[in-house]
Protein backbone atom coordinates (compact mmCIF):
# COMPACT_ATOMS: atom_id res chain seq x y z
CA MET A 1 -2.47 -12.18 -8.88
CA ASP A 2 -2.78 -8.48 -8.16
CA LEU A 3 0.64 -6.89 -8.49
CA HIS A 4 1.83 -4.02 -6.34
CA ASN A 5 5.01 -2.10 -5.54
CA ASN A 6 7.67 -3.83 -3.43
CA MET A 7 6.49 -7.35 -4.28
CA GLU A 8 9.47 -9.68 -4.52
CA PHE A 9 9.89 -12.73 -6.73
CA GLU A 10 12.38 -15.56 -6.87
CA LEU A 11 13.66 -16.32 -10.35
CA SER A 12 13.59 -19.85 -11.67
CA GLY A 13 16.19 -21.04 -14.14
CA ASN A 14 13.89 -20.50 -17.10
CA PHE A 15 13.52 -16.71 -16.65
CA ILE A 16 15.29 -15.79 -19.88
CA PRO A 17 15.66 -12.01 -19.25
CA ASN A 18 17.93 -12.69 -16.24
CA ILE A 19 21.10 -11.09 -17.66
CA SER A 20 22.47 -10.10 -14.23
CA ASN A 21 22.33 -13.68 -12.87
CA SER A 22 20.10 -12.55 -10.02
CA ASP A 23 18.04 -14.87 -7.86
CA ARG A 24 15.37 -12.28 -6.98
CA LEU A 25 13.67 -9.19 -8.32
CA LYS A 26 11.47 -6.52 -6.79
CA ILE A 27 8.67 -4.51 -8.40
CA ILE A 28 9.55 -0.82 -8.20
CA GLU A 29 6.61 0.71 -10.07
CA ILE A 30 3.46 -0.46 -11.84
CA SER A 31 1.34 1.37 -14.38
CA SER A 32 -1.68 0.20 -16.35
CA ASP A 33 0.55 -1.22 -19.07
CA SER A 34 4.05 -1.78 -17.63
CA VAL A 35 6.04 -3.06 -14.64
CA VAL A 36 9.39 -1.57 -13.57
CA ILE A 37 11.62 -4.03 -11.72
CA GLN A 38 15.01 -4.11 -9.99
CA MET A 39 17.11 -7.27 -9.96
CA ASN A 40 18.88 -7.97 -6.65
CA ASN A 41 22.36 -8.23 -8.26
CA SER A 42 22.07 -5.10 -10.36
CA LYS A 43 21.68 -1.37 -9.81
CA ARG A 44 19.84 -1.09 -13.12
CA ARG A 45 16.11 -1.27 -13.56
CA GLY A 46 14.15 -3.11 -16.21
CA ILE A 47 10.72 -2.52 -17.66
CA PHE A 48 8.27 -5.13 -18.92
CA PRO A 49 4.89 -4.83 -20.56
CA LEU A 50 2.36 -5.84 -17.89
CA ASP A 51 1.07 -8.81 -19.90
CA SER A 52 4.61 -10.09 -20.46
CA PHE A 53 5.39 -9.89 -16.73
CA GLN A 54 2.20 -11.80 -15.92
CA TYR A 55 3.18 -14.41 -18.52
CA TRP A 56 6.46 -15.07 -16.64
CA ILE A 57 4.48 -15.50 -13.41
CA LYS A 58 2.07 -17.96 -15.02
CA ARG A 59 5.01 -19.99 -16.40
CA ARG A 60 6.41 -20.14 -12.83
CA SER A 61 9.56 -18.36 -14.03
CA LEU A 62 8.82 -15.72 -11.39
CA ILE A 63 7.71 -17.11 -8.03
CA PHE A 64 6.16 -14.69 -5.55
CA ILE A 65 7.95 -14.52 -2.22
CA GLY A 66 5.23 -14.23 0.39
CA GLN A 67 5.69 -12.44 3.67
CA GLU A 68 5.88 -15.74 5.54
CA LYS A 69 8.85 -16.88 3.42
CA LYS A 70 10.77 -13.60 3.79
CA THR A 71 10.65 -13.75 7.60
CA SER A 72 11.77 -17.37 7.96
């Protein structure tokens, strides 16, 4: 999956870094080696190594919210 700014993800129960008990996160910024995110229940931002973030997606701990789901 190609990641880009403003992508949103639902969090499954096995997303261990979920310290704010959020149900969603949004990508704020992406570089060649890191991803900056914002949890929906927190004003703070987090940063992940890019490969770690992709690992959470592959484990289905982060589930992409497609445009069709956000509008329904």
